[in-house]
C-alpha atoms as a PDB file:
ATOM      1  CA  MET A   1     -13.585  11.936  -8.007  1.00  0.00           C
ATOM      2  CA  LYS A   2     -11.878  14.566  -9.909  1.00  0.00           C
ATOM      3  CA  ARG A   3     -14.220  17.474 -10.990  1.00  0.00           C
ATOM      4  CA  THR A   4     -14.476  19.009 -14.329  1.00  0.00           C
ATOM      5  CA  GLU A   5     -15.922  22.529 -13.058  1.00  0.00           C
ATOM      6  CA  THR A   6     -13.661  24.503 -11.003  1.00  0.00           C
ATOM      7  CA  TRP A   7     -14.268  26.235  -7.497  1.00  0.00           C
ATOM      8  CA  PRO A   8     -14.942  29.467  -6.464  1.00  0.00           C
ATOM      9  CA  ALA A   9     -16.773  30.083  -9.573  1.00  0.00           C
ATOM     10  CA  GLU A  10     -20.755  29.384  -8.575  1.00  0.00           C
ATOM     11  CA  THR A  11     -22.599  25.647  -9.629  1.00  0.00           C
ATOM     12  CA  ARG A  12     -26.244  27.486 -11.816  1.00  0.00           C
ATOM     13  CA  SER A  13     -28.841  25.874 -10.241  1.00  0.00           C
ATOM     14  CA  PRO A  14     -32.058  24.794 -11.841  1.00  0.00           C
ATOM     15  CA  GLY A  15     -34.496  26.106  -9.658  1.00  0.00           C
ATOM     16  CA  VAL A  16     -34.814  26.069  -6.343  1.00  0.00           C
ATOM     17  CA  ALA A  17     -37.800  26.146  -4.287  1.00  0.00           C
ATOM     18  CA  ALA A  18     -38.612  27.080  -0.969  1.00  0.00           C
ATOM     19  CA  VAL A  19     -39.689  24.874   1.935  1.00  0.00           C
ATOM     20  CA  ASP A  20     -39.678  27.073   5.044  1.00  0.00           C
ATOM     21  CA  PRO A  21     -37.337  29.480   7.001  1.00  0.00           C
ATOM     22  CA  GLY A  22     -34.642  26.670   7.332  1.00  0.00           C
ATOM     23  CA  SER A  23     -34.876  24.403   4.780  1.00  0.00           C
ATOM     24  CA  VAL A  24     -34.495  24.175   0.823  1.00  0.00           C
ATOM     25  CA  LEU A  25     -35.028  21.940  -2.103  1.00  0.00           C
ATOM     26  CA  LEU A  26     -32.028  21.862  -3.812  1.00  0.00           C
ATOM     27  CA  PRO A  27     -32.352  19.950  -7.595  1.00  0.00           C
ATOM     28  CA  GLY A  28     -28.959  18.543  -8.881  1.00  0.00           C
ATOM     29  CA  HIS A  29     -27.485  19.786 -12.490  1.00  0.00           C
ATOM     30  CA  ASP A  30     -25.359  17.291 -14.565  1.00  0.00           C
ATOM     31  CA  VAL A  31     -21.619  17.542 -14.635  1.00  0.00           C
ATOM     32  CA  PRO A  32     -19.694  14.945 -16.953  1.00  0.00           C
ATOM     33  CA  LEU A  33     -17.163  13.058 -14.884  1.00  0.00           C
ATOM     34  CA  GLY A  34     -14.089  10.998 -16.668  1.00  0.00           C
ATOM     35  CA  ARG A  35     -15.450   9.841 -20.347  1.00  0.00           C
ATOM     36  CA  TYR A  36     -17.999   7.797 -19.455  1.00  0.00           C
ATOM     37  CA  THR A  37     -19.674   8.830 -16.401  1.00  0.00           C
ATOM     38  CA  THR A  38     -22.225  12.172 -15.613  1.00  0.00           C
ATOM     39  CA  VAL A  39     -23.111  13.347 -11.768  1.00  0.00           C
ATOM     40  CA  ARG A  40     -25.634  14.802 -10.574  1.00  0.00           C
ATOM     41  CA  ARG A  41     -24.098  17.864  -8.355  1.00  0.00           C
ATOM     42  CA  LEU A  42     -25.668  18.673  -5.461  1.00  0.00           C
ATOM     43  CA  LEU A  43     -23.532  20.641  -3.661  1.00  0.00           C
ATOM     44  CA  PRO A  44     -22.021  23.439  -3.643  1.00  0.00           C
ATOM     45  CA  GLN A  45     -24.374  25.759  -4.862  1.00  0.00           C
ATOM     46  CA  ARG A  46     -25.639  29.546  -4.654  1.00  0.00           C
ATOM     47  CA  GLN A  47     -28.147  28.849  -2.376  1.00  0.00           C
ATOM     48  CA  ARG A  48     -26.345  26.419   0.135  1.00  0.00           C
ATOM     49  CA  ARG A  49     -22.453  25.199  -0.286  1.00  0.00           C
ATOM     50  CA  MET A  50     -22.068  23.410   2.998  1.00  0.00           C
ATOM     51  CA  VAL A  51     -24.154  21.160   4.973  1.00  0.00           C
ATOM     52  CA  GLY A  52     -21.415  20.694   8.470  1.00  0.00           C
ATOM     53  CA  ALA A  53     -18.472  19.777   6.941  1.00  0.00           C
ATOM     54  CA  TRP A  54     -19.910  18.725   3.772  1.00  0.00           C
ATOM     55  CA  CYS A  55     -18.516  20.766   1.158  1.00  0.00           C
ATOM     56  CA  PHE A  56     -19.305  18.632  -2.228  1.00  0.00           C
ATOM     57  CA  VAL A  57     -21.849  16.339  -2.712  1.00  0.00           C
ATOM     58  CA  ASP A  58     -22.091  14.396  -6.592  1.00  0.00           C
ATOM     59  CA  HIS A  59     -24.933  11.378  -6.861  1.00  0.00           C
ATOM     60  CA  PHE A  60     -24.050   9.546 -10.095  1.00  0.00           C
ATOM     61  CA  GLY A  61     -26.518   6.041 -12.065  1.00  0.00           C
ATOM     62  CA  PRO A  62     -28.336   4.470 -11.603  1.00  0.00           C
ATOM     63  CA  ASP A  63     -26.152   3.647 -15.393  1.00  0.00           C
ATOM     64  CA  ASP A  64     -26.484   0.800 -17.836  1.00  0.00           C
ATOM     65  CA  VAL A  65     -23.001   0.163 -17.964  1.00  0.00           C
ATOM     66  CA  ALA A  66     -23.026  -4.118 -18.924  1.00  0.00           C
ATOM     67  CA  GLN A  67     -21.571  -2.942 -22.780  1.00  0.00           C
ATOM     68  CA  ARG A  68     -19.997   0.511 -20.936  1.00  0.00           C
ATOM     69  CA  PRO A  69     -16.543   0.801 -19.499  1.00  0.00           C
ATOM     70  CA  GLY A  70     -18.318   2.602 -16.503  1.00  0.00           C
ATOM     71  CA  MET A  71     -15.930   4.573 -14.398  1.00  0.00           C
ATOM     72  CA  GLU A  72     -12.937   6.218 -15.768  1.00  0.00           C
ATOM     73  CA  VAL A  73     -10.929   8.991 -13.368  1.00  0.00           C
ATOM     74  CA  PRO A  74      -7.912   8.661 -14.010  1.00  0.00           C
ATOM     75  CA  PRO A  75      -4.855   9.860 -11.699  1.00  0.00           C
ATOM     76  CA  HIS A  76      -5.409  13.519 -10.019  1.00  0.00           C
ATOM     77  CA  PRO A  77      -4.521  15.345  -7.027  1.00  0.00           C
ATOM     78  CA  HIS A  78      -6.306  16.121  -3.542  1.00  0.00           C
ATOM     79  CA  THR A  79      -6.090  18.483  -0.756  1.00  0.00           C
ATOM     80  CA  GLY A  80      -7.805  19.932   2.862  1.00  0.00           C
ATOM     81  CA  LEU A  81     -10.691  17.420   2.350  1.00  0.00           C
ATOM     82  CA  GLN A  82     -12.213  13.411   2.960  1.00  0.00           C
ATOM     83  CA  THR A  83     -13.126  11.852  -0.058  1.00  0.00           C
ATOM     84  CA  VAL A  84     -16.116   9.419   1.493  1.00  0.00           C
ATOM     85  CA  THR A  85     -16.866   6.904  -2.223  1.00  0.00           C
ATOM     86  CA  TRP A  86     -20.098   4.598  -0.982  1.00  0.00           C
ATOM     87  CA  LEU A  87     -21.772   2.457  -3.877  1.00  0.00           C
ATOM     88  CA  LEU A  88     -25.124   0.905  -3.989  1.00  0.00           C
ATOM     89  CA  ASP A  89     -24.749  -0.884  -7.429  1.00  0.00           C
ATOM     90  CA  GLY A  90     -22.021  -1.702  -9.652  1.00  0.00           C
ATOM     91  CA  GLU A  91     -17.856  -1.711  -8.602  1.00  0.00           C
ATOM     92  CA  ILE A  92     -14.848   0.042  -8.849  1.00  0.00           C
ATOM     93  CA  VAL A  93     -10.992   0.189  -7.351  1.00  0.00           C
ATOM     94  CA  HIS A  94      -9.432   3.040  -5.725  1.00  0.00           C
ATOM     95  CA  ARG A  95      -5.900   3.382  -6.294  1.00  0.00           C
ATOM     96  CA  ASP A  96      -3.653   6.043  -4.836  1.00  0.00           C
ATOM     97  CA  SER A  97      -0.420   7.744  -4.266  1.00  0.00           C
ATOM     98  CA  LEU A  98      -0.037   6.002  -0.425  1.00  0.00           C
ATOM     99  CA  GLY A  99      -0.157   2.381  -2.465  1.00  0.00           C
ATOM    100  CA  SER A 100      -3.321   1.836  -2.143  1.00  0.00           C
ATOM    101  CA  VAL A 101      -5.334  -0.224  -4.167  1.00  0.00           C
ATOM    102  CA  GLN A 102      -8.787  -1.350  -2.470  1.00  0.00           C
ATOM    103  CA  PRO A 103     -12.366  -2.615  -4.717  1.00  0.00           C
ATOM    104  CA  ILE A 104     -15.394  -0.706  -3.138  1.00  0.00           C
ATOM    105  CA  ARG A 105     -18.819  -2.615  -3.671  1.00  0.00           C
ATOM    106  CA  PRO A 106     -22.042  -1.871  -2.202  1.00  0.00           C
ATOM    107  CA  GLY A 107     -22.181  -1.524   1.334  1.00  0.00           C
ATOM    108  CA  GLN A 108     -18.769  -0.952   1.860  1.00  0.00           C
ATOM    109  CA  LEU A 109     -17.357   2.424   2.705  1.00  0.00           C
ATOM    110  CA  ASN A 110     -13.854   4.347   0.858  1.00  0.00           C
ATOM    111  CA  VAL A 111     -12.376   7.163   3.342  1.00  0.00           C
ATOM    112  CA  MET A 112      -9.830   8.997   1.968  1.00  0.00           C
ATOM    113  CA  THR A 113      -7.580  11.942   3.696  1.00  0.00           C
ATOM    114  CA  SER A 114      -6.020  14.479   1.580  1.00  0.00           C
ATOM    115  CA  GLY A 115      -4.326  16.323   4.424  1.00  0.00           C
ATOM    116  CA  HIS A 116      -1.739  18.150   2.557  1.00  0.00           C
ATOM    117  CA  GLY A 117      -1.801  16.309  -0.275  1.00  0.00           C
ATOM    118  CA  ILE A 118      -2.927  12.619  -2.156  1.00  0.00           C
ATOM    119  CA  ALA A 119      -3.246  11.971  -5.791  1.00  0.00           C
ATOM    120  CA  HIS A 120      -6.136   8.777  -6.605  1.00  0.00           C
ATOM    121  CA  SER A 121      -7.587   7.589  -9.312  1.00  0.00           C
ATOM    122  CA  GLU A 122     -10.817   5.436  -9.908  1.00  0.00           C
ATOM    123  CA  ARG A 123     -12.054   3.024 -12.171  1.00  0.00           C
ATOM    124  CA  SER A 124     -14.360  -0.017 -12.649  1.00  0.00           C
ATOM    125  CA  PRO A 125     -12.805  -3.743 -12.983  1.00  0.00           C
ATOM    126  CA  GLU A 126     -12.867  -4.833 -16.609  1.00  0.00           C
ATOM    127  CA  ALA A 127     -15.213  -7.778 -15.743  1.00  0.00           C
ATOM    128  CA  HIS A 128     -17.682  -5.281 -14.116  1.00  0.00           C
ATOM    129  CA  PRO A 129     -21.203  -5.844 -12.568  1.00  0.00           C
ATOM    130  CA  PRO A 130     -23.883  -3.763 -15.087  1.00  0.00           C
ATOM    131  CA  VAL A 131     -24.950  -1.274 -13.264  1.00  0.00           C
ATOM    132  CA  MET A 132     -23.397   1.743 -11.529  1.00  0.00           C
ATOM    133  CA  HIS A 133     -25.250   3.634  -9.054  1.00  0.00           C
ATOM    134  CA  GLY A 134     -23.653   5.478  -6.003  1.00  0.00           C
ATOM    135  CA  VAL A 135     -21.879   8.484  -4.585  1.00  0.00           C
ATOM    136  CA  GLN A 136     -18.952  10.689  -3.782  1.00  0.00           C
ATOM    137  CA  LEU A 137     -18.843  13.099  -1.222  1.00  0.00           C
ATOM    138  CA  TRP A 138     -16.066  15.932   0.146  1.00  0.00           C
ATOM    139  CA  VAL A 139     -15.512  16.435   3.921  1.00  0.00           C
ATOM    140  CA  ALA A 140     -13.584  19.781   4.146  1.00  0.00           C
ATOM    141  CA  LEU A 141     -10.605  19.157   6.501  1.00  0.00           C
ATOM    142  CA  PRO A 142     -10.579  21.830   9.418  1.00  0.00           C
ATOM    143  CA  ASP A 143      -7.089  23.272  10.249  1.00  0.00           C
ATOM    144  CA  PRO A 144      -4.741  21.377  11.514  1.00  0.00           C
ATOM    145  CA  ALA A 145      -6.266  18.386  10.067  1.00  0.00           C
ATOM    146  CA  ARG A 146      -5.899  19.612   6.667  1.00  0.00           C
ATOM    147  CA  ALA A 147      -2.027  20.593   6.876  1.00  0.00           C
ATOM    148  CA  GLY A 148      -1.300  16.244   8.153  1.00  0.00           C
ATOM    149  CA  ALA A 149      -0.223  13.561   6.859  1.00  0.00           C
ATOM    150  CA  ALA A 150      -2.512  11.641   3.797  1.00  0.00           C
ATOM    151  CA  ASP A 151      -4.237   8.236   5.003  1.00  0.00           C
ATOM    152  CA  PHE A 152      -6.456   5.671   3.055  1.00  0.00           C
ATOM    153  CA  ALA A 153      -9.242   3.844   4.793  1.00  0.00           C
ATOM    154  CA  HIS A 154     -11.430   0.634   4.045  1.00  0.00           C
ATOM    155  CA  HIS A 155     -13.995  -0.311   5.913  1.00  0.00           C
ATOM    156  CA  ALA A 156     -16.444  -3.655   5.137  1.00  0.00           C
ATOM    157  CA  ASP A 157     -18.407  -3.805   8.425  1.00  0.00           C
ATOM    158  CA  LEU A 158     -20.529  -0.574   9.027  1.00  0.00           C
ATOM    159  CA  PRO A 159     -23.113  -0.149  12.202  1.00  0.00           C
ATOM    160  CA  ARG A 160     -26.135  -1.543  10.991  1.00  0.00           C
ATOM    161  CA  TRP A 161     -29.673  -1.031  12.363  1.00  0.00           C
ATOM    162  CA  ARG A 162     -33.392  -2.014  11.481  1.00  0.00           C
ATOM    163  CA  ASP A 163     -36.079   0.138  14.025  1.00  0.00           C
ATOM    164  CA  GLY A 164     -39.547  -1.169  12.074  1.00  0.00           C
ATOM    165  CA  GLU A 165     -39.772  -0.132   8.944  1.00  0.00           C
ATOM    166  CA  LEU A 166     -36.564   1.952   8.824  1.00  0.00           C
ATOM    167  CA  GLU A 167     -33.232   0.168   8.233  1.00  0.00           C
ATOM    168  CA  THR A 168     -30.155   2.413   8.584  1.00  0.00           C
ATOM    169  CA  THR A 169     -26.555   2.228   7.903  1.00  0.00           C
ATOM    170  CA  LEU A 170     -24.192   3.970   9.694  1.00  0.00           C
ATOM    171  CA  LEU A 171     -21.370   5.434   7.108  1.00  0.00           C
ATOM    172  CA  VAL A 172     -19.575   7.941   9.379  1.00  0.00           C
ATOM    173  CA  GLY A 173     -20.092   9.944  12.679  1.00  0.00           C
ATOM    174  CA  GLU A 174     -22.324   9.162  15.636  1.00  0.00           C
ATOM    175  CA  ILE A 175     -25.827   9.057  15.447  1.00  0.00           C
ATOM    176  CA  ALA A 176     -29.011   7.016  17.502  1.00  0.00           C
ATOM    177  CA  GLY A 177     -26.053   5.620  19.818  1.00  0.00           C
ATOM    178  CA  GLU A 178     -23.951   4.107  17.189  1.00  0.00           C
ATOM    179  CA  ARG A 179     -20.775   5.257  15.897  1.00  0.00           C
ATOM    180  CA  SER A 180     -18.665   4.260  12.569  1.00  0.00           C
ATOM    181  CA  PRO A 181     -15.408   3.424  12.440  1.00  0.00           C
ATOM    182  CA  ALA A 182     -14.196   5.833   9.799  1.00  0.00           C
ATOM    183  CA  VAL A 183     -11.809   8.266  11.432  1.00  0.00           C
ATOM    184  CA  VAL A 184     -13.006  12.350  10.774  1.00  0.00           C
ATOM    185  CA  HIS A 185     -12.186  15.564  12.547  1.00  0.00           C
ATOM    186  CA  THR A 186     -15.005  17.168  12.767  1.00  0.00           C
ATOM    187  CA  PRO A 187     -18.690  16.980  14.735  1.00  0.00           C
ATOM    188  CA  LEU A 188     -21.212  14.983  11.571  1.00  0.00           C
ATOM    189  CA  VAL A 189     -22.663  12.109  10.340  1.00  0.00           C
ATOM    190  CA  GLY A 190     -23.439  10.296   7.240  1.00  0.00           C
ATOM    191  CA  ALA A 191     -26.204   7.548   6.970  1.00  0.00           C
ATOM    192  CA  GLN A 192     -28.256   5.606   4.471  1.00  0.00           C
ATOM    193  CA  LEU A 193     -31.810   5.342   5.247  1.00  0.00           C
ATOM    194  CA  GLU A 194     -33.904   2.611   3.746  1.00  0.00           C
ATOM    195  CA  LEU A 195     -37.592   1.983   3.496  1.00  0.00           C
ATOM    196  CA  SER A 196     -39.268  -1.256   3.418  1.00  0.00           C
ATOM    197  CA  GLY A 197     -42.503  -0.070   4.173  1.00  0.00           C
ATOM    198  CA  SER A 198     -44.386   3.046   3.636  1.00  0.00           C
ATOM    199  CA  ALA A 199     -45.854   4.127   7.135  1.00  0.00           C
ATOM    200  CA  PRO A 200     -44.194   7.115   8.852  1.00  0.00           C
ATOM    201  CA  VAL A 201     -41.007   6.692  11.067  1.00  0.00           C
ATOM    202  CA  ALA A 202     -38.940   9.089  12.834  1.00  0.00           C
ATOM    203  CA  MET A 203     -35.189   9.181  13.965  1.00  0.00           C
ATOM    204  CA  PRO A 204     -33.472  11.488  16.129  1.00  0.00           C
ATOM    205  CA  LEU A 205     -31.240  14.763  14.974  1.00  0.00           C
ATOM    206  CA  ARG A 206     -28.831  16.953  17.295  1.00  0.00           C
ATOM    207  CA  PRO A 207     -30.270  20.739  17.276  1.00  0.00           C
ATOM    208  CA  ASP A 208     -26.939  22.047  16.665  1.00  0.00           C
ATOM    209  CA  PHE A 209     -26.459  20.016  13.635  1.00  0.00           C
ATOM    210  CA  GLU A 210     -27.201  20.921  10.133  1.00  0.00           C
ATOM    211  CA  TYR A 211     -28.859  18.326   7.900  1.00  0.00           C
ATOM    212  CA  GLY A 212     -29.619  17.261   4.536  1.00  0.00           C
ATOM    213  CA  LEU A 213     -31.620  14.798   3.034  1.00  0.00           C
ATOM    214  CA  LEU A 214     -30.840  13.108  -0.552  1.00  0.00           C
ATOM    215  CA  ALA A 215     -32.933  10.790  -2.244  1.00  0.00           C
ATOM    216  CA  MET A 216     -31.240   7.974  -4.460  1.00  0.00           C
ATOM    217  CA  SER A 217     -34.116   5.665  -5.211  1.00  0.00           C
ATOM    218  CA  GLY A 218     -37.496   5.711  -4.633  1.00  0.00           C
ATOM    219  CA  ALA A 219     -39.454   8.838  -2.846  1.00  0.00           C
ATOM    220  CA  ALA A 220     -39.412  10.376   0.193  1.00  0.00           C
ATOM    221  CA  GLU A 221     -41.321  13.007   2.268  1.00  0.00           C
ATOM    222  CA  VAL A 222     -40.170  15.188   5.373  1.00  0.00           C
ATOM    223  CA  ASP A 223     -42.455  17.237   7.046  1.00  0.00           C
ATOM    224  CA  GLY A 224     -45.169  17.331   4.115  1.00  0.00           C
ATOM    225  CA  VAL A 225     -41.955  18.004   1.425  1.00  0.00           C
ATOM    226  CA  SER A 226     -41.105  15.615  -0.871  1.00  0.00           C
ATOM    227  CA  VAL A 227     -38.147  14.825  -2.391  1.00  0.00           C
ATOM    228  CA  GLU A 228     -38.070  12.841  -5.683  1.00  0.00           C
ATOM    229  CA  PRO A 229     -34.548  10.738  -6.560  1.00  0.00           C
ATOM    230  CA  GLY A 230     -31.270  13.203  -7.378  1.00  0.00           C
ATOM    231  CA  ALA A 231     -32.928  16.023  -5.078  1.00  0.00           C
ATOM    232  CA  LEU A 232     -31.221  17.196  -1.967  1.00  0.00           C
ATOM    233  CA  LEU A 233     -33.579  18.707   0.639  1.00  0.00           C
ATOM    234  CA  TYR A 234     -31.111  21.230   3.084  1.00  0.00           C
ATOM    235  CA  LEU A 235     -32.949  21.192   6.926  1.00  0.00           C
ATOM    236  CA  GLY A 236     -31.452  23.511   8.578  1.00  0.00           C
ATOM    237  CA  LEU A 237     -30.380  23.583  12.028  1.00  0.00           C
ATOM    238  CA  GLY A 238     -32.832  23.335  15.244  1.00  0.00           C
ATOM    239  CA  HIS A 239     -33.831  19.908  14.375  1.00  0.00           C
ATOM    240  CA  ASN A 240     -34.619  17.237  17.147  1.00  0.00           C
ATOM    241  CA  GLN A 241     -36.056  14.777  15.077  1.00  0.00           C
ATOM    242  CA  LEU A 242     -36.120  13.722  11.427  1.00  0.00           C
ATOM    243  CA  ASN A 243     -40.161  12.814  10.314  1.00  0.00           C
ATOM    244  CA  LEU A 244     -39.605  10.604   7.425  1.00  0.00           C
ATOM    245  CA  ARG A 245     -41.884   8.860   4.904  1.00  0.00           C
ATOM    246  CA  GLY A 246     -41.498   6.978   1.859  1.00  0.00           C
ATOM    247  CA  THR A 247     -41.874   4.072  -0.790  1.00  0.00           C
ATOM    248  CA  ALA A 248     -41.071   0.488  -0.098  1.00  0.00           C
ATOM    249  CA  GLY A 249     -37.323   0.272  -0.764  1.00  0.00           C
ATOM    250  CA  SER A 250     -36.352   3.910  -0.831  1.00  0.00           C
ATOM    251  CA  GLN A 251     -32.578   4.315   0.052  1.00  0.00           C
ATOM    252  CA  LEU A 252     -31.948   8.136   0.670  1.00  0.00           C
ATOM    253  CA  MET A 253     -28.680   9.281   2.163  1.00  0.00           C
ATOM    254  CA  LEU A 254     -28.829  11.640   5.707  1.00  0.00           C
ATOM    255  CA  LEU A 255     -25.563  14.110   6.079  1.00  0.00           C
ATOM    256  CA  GLY A 256     -25.393  16.532   8.923  1.00  0.00           C
ATOM    257  CA  GLY A 257     -22.952  17.952  11.070  1.00  0.00           C
ATOM    258  CA  ALA A 258     -22.287  21.211  13.119  1.00  0.00           C
ATOM    259  CA  PRO A 259     -21.709  24.639  10.755  1.00  0.00           C
ATOM    260  CA  PHE A 260     -18.394  24.970   9.290  1.00  0.00           C
ATOM    261  CA  GLU A 261     -17.294  28.372   9.912  1.00  0.00           C
ATOM    262  CA  GLU A 262     -13.821  28.389   8.345  1.00  0.00           C
ATOM    263  CA  PRO A 263     -14.137  30.367   4.841  1.00  0.00           C
ATOM    264  CA  LEU A 264     -13.042  28.332   1.778  1.00  0.00           C
ATOM    265  CA  VAL A 265     -11.409  28.579  -1.475  1.00  0.00           C
ATOM    266  CA  MET A 266     -12.899  25.540  -3.490  1.00  0.00           C
ATOM    267  CA  TRP A 267     -11.171  25.415  -6.925  1.00  0.00           C
ATOM    268  CA  TRP A 268     -11.147  22.044  -9.900  1.00  0.00           C
ATOM    269  CA  ASN A 269      -9.553  19.319  -6.512  1.00  0.00           C
ATOM    270  CA  PHE A 270      -8.230  21.493  -4.295  1.00  0.00           C
ATOM    271  CA  VAL A 271      -9.948  22.998  -0.893  1.00  0.00           C
ATOM    272  CA  GLY A 272      -7.927  25.458   0.687  1.00  0.00           C
ATOM    273  CA  ARG A 273      -8.214  28.978   2.493  1.00  0.00           C
ATOM    274  CA  SER A 274      -6.429  31.157  -0.295  1.00  0.00           C
ATOM    275  CA  HIS A 275      -5.382  32.306  -3.677  1.00  0.00           C
ATOM    276  CA  GLU A 276      -2.391  31.307  -3.076  1.00  0.00           C
ATOM    277  CA  GLU A 277      -2.527  28.108  -1.399  1.00  0.00           C
ATOM    278  CA  VAL A 278      -4.240  26.645  -4.062  1.00  0.00           C
ATOM    279  CA  VAL A 279      -2.011  28.877  -6.774  1.00  0.00           C
ATOM    280  CA  ALA A 280       1.225  26.488  -5.188  1.00  0.00           C
ATOM    281  CA  ALA A 281      -1.025  23.065  -5.098  1.00  0.00           C
ATOM    282  CA  ARG A 282      -1.647  23.574  -8.943  1.00  0.00           C
ATOM    283  CA  GLU A 283       2.212  24.158  -9.321  1.00  0.00           C
ATOM    284  CA  ASP A 284       3.426  20.840  -7.217  1.00  0.00           C
ATOM    285  CA  TRP A 285       1.024  18.689  -8.959  1.00  0.00           C
ATOM    286  CA  SER A 286       2.299  19.993 -12.515  1.00  0.00           C
ATOM    287  CA  ALA A 287       5.901  19.786 -11.655  1.00  0.00           C
ATOM    288  CA  GLY A 288       4.917  16.725 -10.322  1.00  0.00           C
ATOM    289  CA  ARG A 289       5.657  17.627  -6.964  1.00  0.00           C
ATOM    290  CA  ARG A 290       4.133  17.249  -3.451  1.00  0.00           C
ATOM    291  CA  PHE A 291       1.421  14.337  -4.029  1.00  0.00           C
ATOM    292  CA  GLY A 292       3.551  11.400  -5.259  1.00  0.00           C
ATOM    293  CA  VAL A 293       2.333   8.756  -7.842  1.00  0.00           C
ATOM    294  CA  VAL A 294      -1.025   6.493  -7.978  1.00  0.00           C
ATOM    295  CA  ALA A 295      -0.099   3.024  -7.248  1.00  0.00           C
ATOM    296  CA  ASP A 296      -0.724   0.344 -10.238  1.00  0.00           C
ATOM    297  CA  ASP A 297      -2.342   2.893 -12.807  1.00  0.00           C
ATOM    298  CA  SER A 298       0.109   3.840 -15.915  1.00  0.00           C
ATOM    299  CA  ALA A 299      -2.318   6.660 -17.354  1.00  0.00           C
ATOM    300  CA  PRO A 300      -1.358  10.399 -17.399  1.00  0.00           C
ATOM    301  CA  PRO A 301      -2.166  11.890 -14.479  1.00  0.00           C
ATOM    302  CA  LEU A 302      -4.887  14.236 -15.292  1.00  0.00           C
ATOM    303  CA  PRO A 303      -3.727  18.261 -16.290  1.00  0.00           C
ATOM    304  CA  ALA A 304      -4.877  21.275 -14.242  1.00  0.00           C
ATOM    305  CA  PRO A 305      -7.170  23.143 -15.975  1.00  0.00           C
ATOM    306  CA  GLU A 306      -6.092  27.202 -16.219  1.00  0.00           C
ATOM    307  CA  LEU A 307      -6.662  29.233 -13.258  1.00  0.00           C
ATOM    308  CA  PRO A 308      -9.304  32.123 -13.634  1.00  0.00           C
ATOM    309  CA  THR A 309      -7.854  35.229 -14.614  1.00  0.00           C
ATOM    310  CA  THR A 310      -9.569  36.464 -11.577  1.00  0.00           C
ATOM    311  CA  ARG A 311      -8.253  36.601  -7.689  1.00  0.00           C
ATOM    312  CA  LEU A 312     -10.074  33.236  -6.234  1.00  0.00           C
ATOM    313  CA  LYS A 313     -12.145  34.361  -3.027  1.00  0.00           C
ATOM    314  CA  ALA A 314     -12.432  31.963   0.214  1.00  0.00           C
ATOM    315  CA  ARG A 315     -15.829  31.588   0.888  1.00  0.00           C
ATOM    316  CA  ASP A 316     -18.104  31.174   4.216  1.00  0.00           C
ATOM    317  CA  ARG A 317     -21.293  28.471   4.642  1.00  0.00           C
ATOM    318  CA  SER A 318     -23.207  30.885   3.484  1.00  0.00           C
ATOM    319  CA  GLY A 319     -21.364  32.315   0.053  1.00  0.00           C
ATOM    320  CA  ASP A 320     -20.353  36.168   2.062  1.00  0.00           C
ATOM    321  CA  VAL A 321     -16.973  36.618   0.355  1.00  0.00           C
ATOM    322  CA  HIS A 322     -13.949  36.575   2.771  1.00  0.00           C
ATOM    323  CA  GLY A 323     -10.337  38.547   1.894  1.00  0.00           C
END
């Protein structure tokens, strides 16, 4: 999805509650996406820029789109990242410059790898379900994958299992001995957790991973900390187990991964390593180079915003400036 904010300008924070020395509760803030959709942005924020290689977290809906177009994001570029799209309700058609035209529906996964450059659009079909609800996530690509070829994959069948009152659907990575078919380039995990009751449940975690838990619907409690819909609880490192309880029907997104140590420059839809790299990507998009033409989408490409007057700085996962 295209972003209406540019980076590394910091996301404003509406308030952050410290939970313990390694945990932070991050409320989202609203950002327009395209003409008809508003998302709640959870990452990046000043207090936490990344969770593993997860560098962008947007949660949208549930929105009533029965009399509205739904998602309408025209062709736009990406570099240096993977987009991970997951729906709880609705339907979106992904189109890209590789020639992909792929609808996505609840329970299915789209993973687009930009590599050195790709363009795509995301639109609800004209006849679409009345409710739209989901998440779009970005994963920062490490060297050398970020300079590699672009790719797109759709996964209709994902690992799914139940343990007591907890049902887990594994989107990407590995957890609890299960592995997703989605290709990733760093050690990480993304999983939907759904509760069928209010009894406490537990899930094994890797202590060398840092984790975040997003409440998409319902409510949850982690070690006595309440997580409401549209908020992200950053859990930090050193956890062997997720201790969770919530209301029946709660749907949560668990994100985790090994700390990503490469400093990033994040600006508009580009994830790079330097000011010069981002400037070159912007120039290529504006000149019609590198990114190709989105298949089966006649809408005008989204123009790149003006660059800031100051030099873009690379920042590490803690927000410290490099270079």
